[in-house]
Amino acid sequence: VCTDPKRDPSVIVVVADVADLWALERAGAVNARYHVLGGTLSPLDGVGPQDLTINALVTRAHDPAVTEVILALNATVDGQTTAHYIAEA
């Protein structure tokens, strides 16, 4: 999946974990590159931005070849908090 040259390098789909990536792959929903965060922000569980790969995502998103970032995160409080944080970054 990660090295497939047929994937659209201009689109990054952001998912919380590998299980989400595989769910999208099975559905055939996208033909883009993925970015796995390693979870979602969860202050109650002590998970902050430094615990996820958000900085690496921001770096990837600044590549001139990237034109779209799709936030495919769960519609939970933690997922929406993470999406908002990323959008602001």
Protein backbone atom coordinates (compact mmCIF):
# COMPACT_ATOMS: atom_id res chain seq x y z
CA VAL A 1 0.00 0.00 0.00
CA CYS A 2 2.69 2.48 1.00
CA THR A 3 4.95 1.93 -1.99
CA ASP A 4 2.29 1.53 -4.70
CA PRO A 5 3.26 4.02 -7.45
CA LYS A 6 -0.32 3.97 -8.80
CA ARG A 7 -1.61 5.85 -5.75
CA ASP A 8 -2.34 9.55 -6.08
CA PRO A 9 0.55 11.37 -4.35
CA SER A 10 -1.42 14.64 -4.24
CA VAL A 11 -3.92 13.30 -1.69
CA ILE A 12 -3.21 12.21 1.89
CA VAL A 13 -5.87 10.32 3.84
CA VAL A 14 -5.35 10.67 7.58
CA VAL A 15 -6.45 7.74 9.74
CA ALA A 16 -6.07 7.04 13.45
CA ASP A 17 -4.65 3.54 13.15
CA VAL A 18 -3.80 0.73 10.75
CA ALA A 19 -7.20 -0.92 11.25
CA ASP A 20 -8.83 2.20 9.77
CA LEU A 21 -6.46 2.07 6.81
CA TRP A 22 -7.38 -1.52 6.07
CA ALA A 23 -11.10 -0.78 6.40
CA LEU A 24 -10.78 1.93 3.73
CA GLU A 25 -8.71 -0.38 1.55
CA ARG A 26 -11.28 -3.19 1.75
CA ALA A 27 -14.00 -0.72 0.82
CA GLY A 28 -11.98 0.54 -2.15
CA ALA A 29 -12.89 4.05 -1.02
CA VAL A 30 -9.71 5.89 -1.98
CA ASN A 31 -6.67 5.63 -4.20
CA ALA A 32 -4.49 7.99 -2.21
CA ARG A 33 -1.56 7.85 0.16
CA TYR A 34 -2.24 7.34 3.84
CA HIS A 35 -0.93 8.87 7.04
CA VAL A 36 -1.45 6.82 10.22
CA LEU A 37 -1.50 8.98 13.36
CA GLY A 38 -1.13 6.15 15.85
CA GLY A 39 -4.30 7.07 17.72
CA THR A 40 -6.32 10.18 18.53
CA LEU A 41 -5.85 13.00 20.99
CA SER A 42 -7.26 12.04 24.37
CA PRO A 43 -6.42 14.35 27.26
CA LEU A 44 -8.20 12.06 29.73
CA ASP A 45 -5.90 9.19 28.68
CA GLY A 46 -2.81 11.39 28.59
CA VAL A 47 -2.47 11.29 24.77
CA GLY A 48 -1.26 14.63 23.45
CA PRO A 49 -0.02 15.86 20.06
CA GLN A 50 3.53 14.78 20.88
CA ASP A 51 2.32 11.17 21.18
CA LEU A 52 0.98 11.08 17.62
CA THR A 53 2.59 11.62 14.21
CA ILE A 54 0.97 15.01 13.71
CA ASN A 55 4.26 16.86 13.11
CA ALA A 56 5.17 14.40 10.36
CA LEU A 57 1.74 14.91 8.80
CA VAL A 58 2.14 18.69 8.78
CA THR A 59 5.53 18.28 7.10
CA ARG A 60 4.03 15.98 4.44
CA ALA A 61 1.09 18.33 3.88
CA HIS A 62 3.45 21.22 3.11
CA ASP A 63 4.89 19.32 0.13
CA PRO A 64 3.88 21.28 -3.00
CA ALA A 65 2.75 18.02 -4.62
CA VAL A 66 0.04 17.59 -1.96
CA THR A 67 -3.21 19.35 -2.85
CA GLU A 68 -5.67 17.66 -0.50
CA VAL A 69 -5.67 16.20 3.01
CA ILE A 70 -8.68 14.07 3.94
CA LEU A 71 -9.30 13.62 7.66
CA ALA A 72 -10.86 10.15 7.95
CA LEU A 73 -11.20 10.08 11.72
CA ASN A 74 -14.02 8.68 13.84
CA ALA A 75 -16.95 10.92 14.77
CA THR A 76 -16.13 10.62 18.47
CA VAL A 77 -15.12 13.45 20.76
CA ASP A 78 -11.47 12.36 20.53
CA GLY A 79 -11.64 11.94 16.75
CA GLN A 80 -13.22 15.34 16.23
CA THR A 81 -10.77 16.99 18.64
CA THR A 82 -7.90 15.45 16.69
CA ALA A 83 -9.38 16.59 13.36
CA HIS A 84 -9.79 20.15 14.66
CA TYR A 85 -6.24 20.19 16.01
CA ILE A 86 -4.85 19.00 12.68
CA ALA A 87 -6.92 21.51 10.71
CA GLU A 88 -5.53 24.31 12.86
CA ALA A 89 -1.96 23.02 12.46
